[in-house]
């Protein structure tokens, strides 16, 4: 009897993400990208799945399971009040560091394609940098809300959170996962700017970060060769430029309206990583320029709704929710931009997935968590659910930027 009463109380406290509580357009756009992504994973992975497993739809079935699991995780995350995340900033930082350290423990960490990025969980691998970035954005947003005055006046106020973030970036570089570092640093700088950090202080930090990345690029002949090869993949189309040249062939074959869904030639073991990093190239081949522009439009709509939710939270002085939503929206947009740019030869290969579309359980589930938090911020901003007490805006001395 006691258990039934507890179960009834738990069910009564559940909050459903209905259209009157959350942004229906954000839900719709995310669902369209996810559905299209499942279709493209099924199409792009047929040849490689049959070669490696004997089952043409092996990766599609796994991605579908990841999506269903991600929906369950997102529903649970949506129930967590934003105030709970804000109060857990330091715990999230510790968790992120542990995740990034675990990958280097023999027997737990797993190396794939020369990168030590994954935690072996038996039937699946967890890419540590995905949940780590989620936690680190939460930590930084929590810090800047608590220290807004110090951040706006003192350079040390900006340096303090960057010490653990720099350590996290160093661990990611050891894996190596350069793409995750670029996204994390860009999102961090944006949050610091929005929270009131001085332009001069941000410029110094930006200069140090760029100098470090340039040094890393020049310190390794192999890394430098990879960075330079994207400028002219046809110079060595069978070695360093092979992947990009095959991707460009796929995009070029698509022309205006594509060769038709399922009719890609490049996915037939010509283009590597067709269902992961280069799924967009197969999409462009099969749906053409029309499909490519439609996909870009969906991501633009998603970013618009994310920034709008963040802006409304900022107006209500729900600063933590606003900074988190700005950070998560920028994360999705930047990662999508980098992935598309890599596929089109505008940037060197970074190993970043296309959010909600590329095959990969870690990325997909974390994206579901990101969207769930954004929807919760929207619900609390609307007043559709009981939100926490708004954080009082500290008084900023005259001359400090808000």
Protein backbone atom coordinates (compact mmCIF):
# COMPACT_ATOMS: atom_id res chain seq x y z
CA UNK A 1 0.00 0.00 0.00
CA UNK A 2 2.80 2.41 0.90
CA UNK A 3 4.50 1.68 -2.41
CA UNK A 4 1.30 2.42 -4.34
CA UNK A 5 0.89 5.74 -2.54
CA UNK A 6 4.49 6.71 -3.35
CA UNK A 7 4.01 5.70 -6.98
CA UNK A 8 0.85 7.82 -7.20
CA UNK A 9 2.66 10.82 -5.71
CA UNK A 10 5.54 10.37 -8.14
CA UNK A 11 3.17 10.20 -11.10
CA UNK A 12 1.40 13.37 -9.95
CA UNK A 13 4.71 15.24 -9.87
CA UNK A 14 5.60 14.26 -13.44
CA UNK A 15 5.74 17.15 -15.90
CA UNK A 16 4.94 16.39 -19.53
CA UNK A 17 6.52 18.59 -22.23
CA UNK A 18 3.18 19.57 -23.79
CA UNK A 19 2.86 22.46 -26.32
CA UNK A 20 1.37 24.74 -23.67
CA UNK A 21 4.47 24.27 -21.51
CA UNK A 22 7.32 24.21 -24.01
CA UNK A 23 8.16 25.63 -27.41
CA UNK A 24 6.33 23.46 -29.98
CA UNK A 25 8.54 24.63 -32.85
CA UNK A 26 11.72 23.57 -31.08
CA UNK A 27 10.21 20.13 -30.47
CA UNK A 28 9.04 19.84 -34.07
CA UNK A 29 12.32 20.93 -35.64
CA UNK A 30 14.37 18.62 -33.39
CA UNK A 31 12.03 15.71 -34.21
CA UNK A 32 12.34 16.39 -37.96
CA UNK A 33 16.14 16.45 -37.81
CA UNK A 34 16.16 13.25 -35.74
CA UNK A 35 13.76 11.44 -38.11
CA UNK A 36 15.75 12.55 -41.15
CA UNK A 37 18.93 11.46 -39.41
CA UNK A 38 17.55 7.95 -38.84
CA UNK A 39 16.67 7.72 -42.53
CA UNK A 40 20.14 8.88 -43.58
CA UNK A 41 21.91 6.51 -41.17
CA UNK A 42 19.90 3.64 -42.64
CA UNK A 43 20.77 4.71 -46.19
CA UNK A 44 24.42 5.69 -45.67
CA UNK A 45 25.43 2.64 -43.61
CA UNK A 46 23.99 -0.16 -45.75
CA UNK A 47 27.22 -1.14 -47.48
CA UNK A 48 29.57 -0.79 -44.52
CA UNK A 49 27.11 -2.57 -42.19
CA UNK A 50 26.72 -5.51 -44.56
CA UNK A 51 30.48 -5.78 -44.98
CA UNK A 52 31.26 -5.69 -41.25
CA UNK A 53 28.25 -7.48 -39.76
CA UNK A 54 26.37 -9.14 -42.61
CA UNK A 55 23.26 -7.11 -41.65
CA UNK A 56 22.55 -4.10 -43.94
CA UNK A 57 20.57 -2.24 -41.27
CA UNK A 58 22.77 -3.06 -38.28
CA UNK A 59 23.74 0.56 -37.58
CA UNK A 60 20.21 1.79 -38.20
CA UNK A 61 18.79 -0.60 -35.58
CA UNK A 62 21.44 0.49 -33.08
CA UNK A 63 20.78 4.17 -33.77
CA UNK A 64 17.04 3.56 -33.29
CA UNK A 65 17.73 1.94 -29.91
CA UNK A 66 19.96 4.89 -28.96
CA UNK A 67 17.16 7.28 -29.96
CA UNK A 68 14.57 5.46 -27.84
CA UNK A 69 16.96 5.34 -24.90
CA UNK A 70 17.74 9.03 -25.40
CA UNK A 71 14.03 9.86 -25.28
CA UNK A 72 13.78 8.13 -21.91
CA UNK A 73 16.83 9.97 -20.60
CA UNK A 74 15.47 13.28 -21.92
CA UNK A 75 12.16 12.73 -20.12
CA UNK A 76 14.00 12.17 -16.84
CA UNK A 77 16.26 15.20 -17.37
CA UNK A 78 13.20 17.35 -18.13
CA UNK A 79 11.87 16.60 -14.63
CA UNK A 80 14.95 18.15 -12.97
CA UNK A 81 14.44 21.80 -11.92
CA UNK A 82 16.99 24.21 -13.34
CA UNK A 83 17.84 25.33 -9.81
CA UNK A 84 19.06 21.79 -9.08
CA UNK A 85 21.52 21.97 -11.98
CA UNK A 86 22.67 25.41 -10.82
CA UNK A 87 23.36 24.19 -7.29
CA UNK A 88 25.29 21.18 -8.63
CA UNK A 89 27.92 23.13 -10.58
CA UNK A 90 30.96 21.88 -8.67
CA UNK A 91 29.69 18.28 -8.64
CA UNK A 92 29.22 18.43 -12.40
CA UNK A 93 32.77 19.72 -12.80
CA UNK A 94 34.16 16.82 -10.76
CA UNK A 95 32.08 14.33 -12.75
CA UNK A 96 33.33 15.77 -16.06
CA UNK A 97 36.96 15.50 -14.95
CA UNK A 98 36.47 11.90 -13.83
CA UNK A 99 34.93 11.02 -17.19
CA UNK A 100 37.89 12.51 -19.06
CA UNK A 101 40.40 10.71 -16.82
CA UNK A 102 38.72 7.30 -16.94
CA UNK A 103 39.44 6.89 -20.67
CA UNK A 104 43.17 6.61 -19.88
CA UNK A 105 42.73 3.73 -17.41
CA UNK A 106 43.75 0.42 -19.02
CA UNK A 107 40.87 -2.01 -19.27
CA UNK A 108 38.26 0.75 -19.05
CA UNK A 109 39.28 3.21 -21.74
CA UNK A 110 39.11 1.96 -25.31
CA UNK A 111 41.11 3.10 -28.33
CA UNK A 112 39.32 3.38 -31.68
CA UNK A 113 41.07 4.57 -34.86
CA UNK A 114 44.07 5.73 -32.86
CA UNK A 115 42.04 7.87 -30.43
CA UNK A 116 41.58 7.07 -26.72
CA UNK A 117 38.16 8.71 -26.40
CA UNK A 118 35.82 5.93 -25.36
CA UNK A 119 34.81 4.17 -22.14
CA UNK A 120 34.10 0.48 -22.65
CA UNK A 121 30.62 -0.34 -21.33
CA UNK A 122 30.36 -3.79 -22.86
CA UNK A 123 27.91 -3.72 -25.77
CA UNK A 124 28.37 0.04 -26.26
CA UNK A 125 31.16 2.60 -25.99
CA UNK A 126 30.66 5.96 -24.26
CA UNK A 127 32.55 8.91 -25.72
CA UNK A 128 33.67 10.73 -22.58
CA UNK A 129 33.90 14.21 -24.09
CA UNK A 130 30.16 14.32 -24.86
CA UNK A 131 28.75 14.18 -21.28
CA UNK A 132 31.85 16.07 -20.08
CA UNK A 133 31.02 19.07 -22.28
CA UNK A 134 27.43 18.99 -21.04
CA UNK A 135 28.63 19.15 -17.43
CA UNK A 136 31.30 21.79 -18.09
CA UNK A 137 28.83 24.20 -19.72
CA UNK A 138 26.57 23.78 -16.67
CA UNK A 139 29.51 24.43 -14.33
CA UNK A 140 30.60 27.58 -16.17
CA UNK A 141 27.05 28.98 -16.23
CA UNK A 142 26.75 28.33 -12.50
CA UNK A 143 30.05 30.08 -11.83
CA UNK A 144 29.31 33.23 -13.82
CA UNK A 145 25.94 33.66 -12.10
CA UNK A 146 27.57 33.48 -8.67
CA UNK A 147 30.54 35.71 -9.59
CA UNK A 148 29.11 38.23 -12.07
CA UNK A 149 30.52 41.27 -10.27
CA UNK A 150 33.99 39.77 -9.90
CA UNK A 151 33.88 38.60 -13.51
CA UNK A 152 33.05 42.05 -14.84
CA UNK A 153 35.75 43.87 -12.83
CA UNK A 154 38.69 41.55 -12.20
CA UNK A 155 40.72 39.48 -14.65
CA UNK A 156 41.10 36.84 -11.95
CA UNK A 157 37.34 36.42 -11.96
CA UNK A 158 37.59 35.13 -15.53
CA UNK A 159 40.76 33.12 -15.01
CA UNK A 160 39.37 31.06 -12.11
CA UNK A 161 36.82 29.03 -14.13
CA UNK A 162 39.20 28.78 -17.07
CA UNK A 163 41.73 26.81 -15.01
CA UNK A 164 39.55 23.67 -14.71
CA UNK A 165 38.22 24.21 -18.24
CA UNK A 166 41.79 24.38 -19.57
CA UNK A 167 42.62 21.19 -17.72
CA UNK A 168 39.59 19.53 -19.30
CA UNK A 169 40.73 20.75 -22.73
CA UNK A 170 44.22 19.35 -22.07
CA UNK A 171 42.73 15.94 -21.30
CA UNK A 172 40.66 16.09 -24.50
CA UNK A 173 43.78 16.97 -26.50
CA UNK A 174 45.54 13.93 -25.07
CA UNK A 175 42.77 11.64 -26.36
CA UNK A 176 42.98 13.43 -28.92
CA UNK A 177 39.65 15.18 -29.55
CA UNK A 178 40.47 18.57 -31.09
CA UNK A 179 36.93 19.21 -32.30
CA UNK A 180 35.49 18.95 -28.79
CA UNK A 181 38.12 21.40 -27.52
CA UNK A 182 37.29 23.99 -30.19
CA UNK A 183 33.55 23.79 -29.46
CA UNK A 184 34.02 23.94 -25.68
CA UNK A 185 36.35 26.95 -25.82
CA UNK A 186 34.08 28.84 -28.23
CA UNK A 187 31.00 28.22 -26.08
CA UNK A 188 32.90 29.16 -22.91
CA UNK A 189 34.08 32.48 -24.38
CA UNK A 190 30.52 33.28 -25.47
CA UNK A 191 29.10 32.60 -21.98
CA UNK A 192 31.82 34.73 -20.37
CA UNK A 193 31.05 37.57 -22.78
CA UNK A 194 27.30 37.42 -22.10
CA UNK A 195 27.93 37.31 -18.35
CA UNK A 196 29.80 40.62 -18.46
CA UNK A 197 33.50 39.81 -18.87
CA UNK A 198 35.51 42.72 -20.26
CA UNK A 199 36.42 42.69 -23.94
CA UNK A 200 40.09 43.25 -23.11
CA UNK A 201 40.17 40.25 -20.78
CA UNK A 202 38.39 38.07 -23.35
CA UNK A 203 40.81 39.21 -26.06
CA UNK A 204 43.77 38.10 -23.96
CA UNK A 205 42.15 34.74 -23.30
CA UNK A 206 41.24 34.33 -26.96
CA UNK A 207 44.80 35.14 -28.00
CA UNK A 208 46.25 32.59 -25.59
CA UNK A 209 43.83 29.90 -26.82
CA UNK A 210 44.61 30.61 -30.49
CA UNK A 211 48.34 30.61 -29.80
CA UNK A 212 48.06 27.23 -28.12
CA UNK A 213 46.12 25.74 -31.03
CA UNK A 214 48.63 27.12 -33.56
CA UNK A 215 51.50 25.66 -31.56
CA UNK A 216 49.82 22.26 -31.49
CA UNK A 217 49.29 22.40 -35.24
CA UNK A 218 52.89 23.35 -36.02
CA UNK A 219 54.52 21.01 -33.49
CA UNK A 220 53.53 17.84 -35.35
CA UNK A 221 54.37 17.34 -39.06
CA UNK A 222 51.54 14.77 -39.36
CA UNK A 223 49.00 17.15 -37.81
CA UNK A 224 50.18 20.02 -39.98
CA UNK A 225 49.92 17.86 -43.10
CA UNK A 226 46.33 16.98 -42.21
CA UNK A 227 45.46 20.62 -41.67
CA UNK A 228 46.97 21.68 -44.97
CA UNK A 229 45.61 18.79 -47.05
CA UNK A 230 42.03 20.09 -46.96
CA UNK A 231 43.04 23.17 -48.98
CA UNK A 232 43.80 20.96 -52.00
CA UNK A 233 42.66 17.34 -51.53
CA UNK A 234 43.24 16.62 -55.23
CA UNK A 235 46.98 17.00 -54.73
CA UNK A 236 47.01 13.61 -53.00
CA UNK A 237 43.56 12.09 -53.64
CA UNK A 238 44.60 8.55 -52.67
CA UNK A 239 46.16 9.35 -49.29
CA UNK A 240 45.80 12.52 -47.21
CA UNK A 241 43.10 13.96 -49.46
CA UNK A 242 41.18 10.73 -50.05
CA UNK A 243 38.31 11.26 -47.60
CA UNK A 244 37.62 14.85 -48.57
CA UNK A 245 37.92 14.21 -52.31
CA UNK A 246 35.36 11.39 -52.06
CA UNK A 247 33.06 13.65 -50.03
CA UNK A 248 33.30 16.38 -52.65
CA UNK A 249 32.52 13.87 -55.39
CA UNK A 250 29.40 12.83 -53.47
CA UNK A 251 28.26 16.43 -52.98
CA UNK A 252 28.93 17.24 -56.63
CA UNK A 253 26.92 14.23 -57.87
CA UNK A 254 23.88 15.50 -55.96
CA UNK A 255 23.47 18.58 -58.20
CA UNK A 256 20.10 20.29 -57.66
CA UNK A 257 17.77 17.55 -56.40
CA UNK A 258 20.04 14.55 -55.82
CA UNK A 259 20.25 11.06 -57.26
CA UNK A 260 17.40 9.79 -55.07
CA UNK A 261 17.19 8.36 -51.58
CA UNK A 262 19.23 5.17 -51.33
CA UNK A 263 20.95 5.68 -54.70
CA UNK A 264 24.26 7.08 -53.48
CA UNK A 265 27.34 5.57 -55.12
CA UNK A 266 29.94 7.02 -52.75
CA UNK A 267 28.45 5.16 -49.79
CA UNK A 268 29.38 1.87 -51.49
CA UNK A 269 32.71 1.73 -49.63
CA UNK A 270 34.26 4.64 -51.53
CA UNK A 271 33.70 7.32 -48.87
CA UNK A 272 34.90 6.41 -45.34
CA UNK A 273 32.73 7.19 -42.28
CA UNK A 274 29.59 7.57 -44.38
CA UNK A 275 27.20 7.15 -41.45
CA UNK A 276 29.19 9.15 -38.87
CA UNK A 277 31.27 12.24 -39.70
CA UNK A 278 30.38 12.32 -43.42
CA UNK A 279 26.67 11.51 -43.40
CA UNK A 280 26.01 14.99 -44.81
CA UNK A 281 27.97 14.16 -47.97
CA UNK A 282 25.68 11.17 -48.61
CA UNK A 283 22.65 13.35 -47.85
CA UNK A 284 23.84 15.94 -50.36
CA UNK A 285 24.39 13.24 -52.98
CA UNK A 286 20.94 11.73 -52.50
CA UNK A 287 18.87 14.92 -51.98
CA UNK A 288 21.00 17.51 -53.78
CA UNK A 289 21.27 21.20 -53.09
CA UNK A 290 17.57 21.33 -52.21
CA UNK A 291 17.97 18.81 -49.37
CA UNK A 292 21.18 20.46 -48.17
CA UNK A 293 19.55 23.88 -47.89
CA UNK A 294 16.52 22.35 -46.18
CA UNK A 295 18.75 20.75 -43.56
CA UNK A 296 20.65 23.99 -42.98
CA UNK A 297 17.30 25.77 -42.63
CA UNK A 298 16.19 23.31 -39.94
CA UNK A 299 19.35 23.94 -37.92
CA UNK A 300 18.88 27.71 -38.30
CA UNK A 301 15.30 27.36 -37.00
CA UNK A 302 16.51 25.28 -34.06
CA UNK A 303 19.11 27.90 -33.16
CA UNK A 304 16.56 30.70 -33.47
CA UNK A 305 14.21 28.97 -31.04
CA UNK A 306 17.09 28.22 -28.64
CA UNK A 307 18.31 31.82 -28.59
CA UNK A 308 14.72 33.05 -28.20
CA UNK A 309 14.21 30.79 -25.16
CA UNK A 310 17.49 32.05 -23.69
CA UNK A 311 16.48 35.67 -24.30
CA UNK A 312 13.14 35.23 -22.54
CA UNK A 313 14.88 33.62 -19.56
CA UNK A 314 17.32 36.54 -19.45
CA UNK A 315 14.43 39.04 -19.41
CA UNK A 316 12.99 37.20 -16.39
CA UNK A 317 16.42 37.44 -14.75
CA UNK A 318 16.80 33.66 -14.77
CA UNK A 319 20.46 34.08 -15.56
CA UNK A 320 21.64 30.51 -15.12
CA UNK A 321 18.98 29.14 -17.45
CA UNK A 322 19.69 31.88 -19.97
CA UNK A 323 23.46 31.25 -20.06
CA UNK A 324 22.98 27.47 -20.26
CA UNK A 325 20.49 27.82 -23.11
CA UNK A 326 22.76 30.26 -24.98
CA UNK A 327 25.67 27.84 -24.50
CA UNK A 328 23.78 24.73 -25.58
CA UNK A 329 22.30 26.47 -28.62
CA UNK A 330 25.73 27.71 -29.67
CA UNK A 331 27.11 24.20 -29.14
CA UNK A 332 24.55 22.68 -31.52
CA UNK A 333 24.97 25.43 -34.10
CA UNK A 334 28.78 25.48 -34.04
CA UNK A 335 29.06 21.70 -34.20
CA UNK A 336 26.65 21.55 -37.12
CA UNK A 337 28.55 24.32 -38.90
CA UNK A 338 31.93 22.62 -38.38
CA UNK A 339 30.61 19.26 -39.59
CA UNK A 340 29.10 20.76 -42.73
CA UNK A 341 32.24 22.83 -43.37
CA UNK A 342 34.43 19.74 -43.04
CA UNK A 343 32.25 17.83 -45.51
CA UNK A 344 32.52 20.68 -48.01
CA UNK A 345 36.28 21.16 -47.58
CA UNK A 346 36.06 24.52 -45.82
CA UNK A 347 37.69 23.23 -42.61
CA UNK A 348 40.09 20.39 -41.83
CA UNK A 349 38.67 17.15 -40.46
CA UNK A 350 37.69 17.53 -36.79
CA UNK A 351 35.90 14.27 -35.99
CA UNK A 352 32.69 16.03 -34.96
CA UNK A 353 29.31 14.45 -35.61
CA UNK A 354 26.32 16.23 -37.13
CA UNK A 355 23.98 16.77 -34.14
CA UNK A 356 20.91 14.49 -34.09
CA UNK A 357 21.86 13.01 -37.48
CA UNK A 358 25.21 11.21 -37.42
CA UNK A 359 25.44 7.69 -36.06
CA UNK A 360 26.68 7.53 -32.49
CA UNK A 361 24.96 6.77 -29.21
CA UNK A 362 26.98 9.12 -27.00
CA UNK A 363 26.37 12.17 -29.18
CA UNK A 364 22.69 11.37 -29.73
CA UNK A 365 21.84 10.78 -26.06
CA UNK A 366 23.71 13.90 -24.92
CA UNK A 367 21.90 15.96 -27.57
CA UNK A 368 18.61 14.66 -26.14
CA UNK A 369 19.77 15.80 -22.69
CA UNK A 370 20.72 19.22 -24.07
CA UNK A 371 17.30 19.66 -25.68
CA UNK A 372 15.54 18.47 -22.52
CA UNK A 373 17.33 21.12 -20.44
CA UNK A 374 16.47 23.79 -23.02
CA UNK A 375 12.80 22.74 -22.91
CA UNK A 376 12.83 22.82 -19.11
CA UNK A 377 14.29 26.34 -19.20
CA UNK A 378 11.51 27.31 -21.60
CA UNK A 379 8.85 25.78 -19.33
CA UNK A 380 10.15 27.61 -16.26
CA UNK A 381 10.48 30.85 -18.19
CA UNK A 382 6.84 30.54 -19.30
CA UNK A 383 5.82 29.85 -15.72
CA UNK A 384 4.22 26.62 -16.93
CA UNK A 385 6.01 24.67 -14.20
CA UNK A 386 7.10 25.64 -10.73
CA UNK A 387 10.46 27.29 -11.25
CA UNK A 388 13.05 28.21 -8.70
CA UNK A 389 13.30 31.66 -7.20
CA UNK A 390 14.93 33.97 -9.77
CA UNK A 391 18.51 34.84 -8.98
CA UNK A 392 18.75 38.42 -7.84
CA UNK A 393 20.86 40.55 -10.13
CA UNK A 394 23.85 41.88 -8.22
CA UNK A 395 24.57 45.58 -8.33
CA UNK A 396 27.30 46.36 -10.84
CA UNK A 397 29.48 49.36 -10.16
CA UNK A 398 29.18 52.25 -12.58
CA UNK A 399 31.10 51.65 -15.78
CA UNK A 400 30.92 47.84 -15.63
CA UNK A 401 29.18 46.18 -18.56
CA UNK A 402 26.09 44.20 -17.67
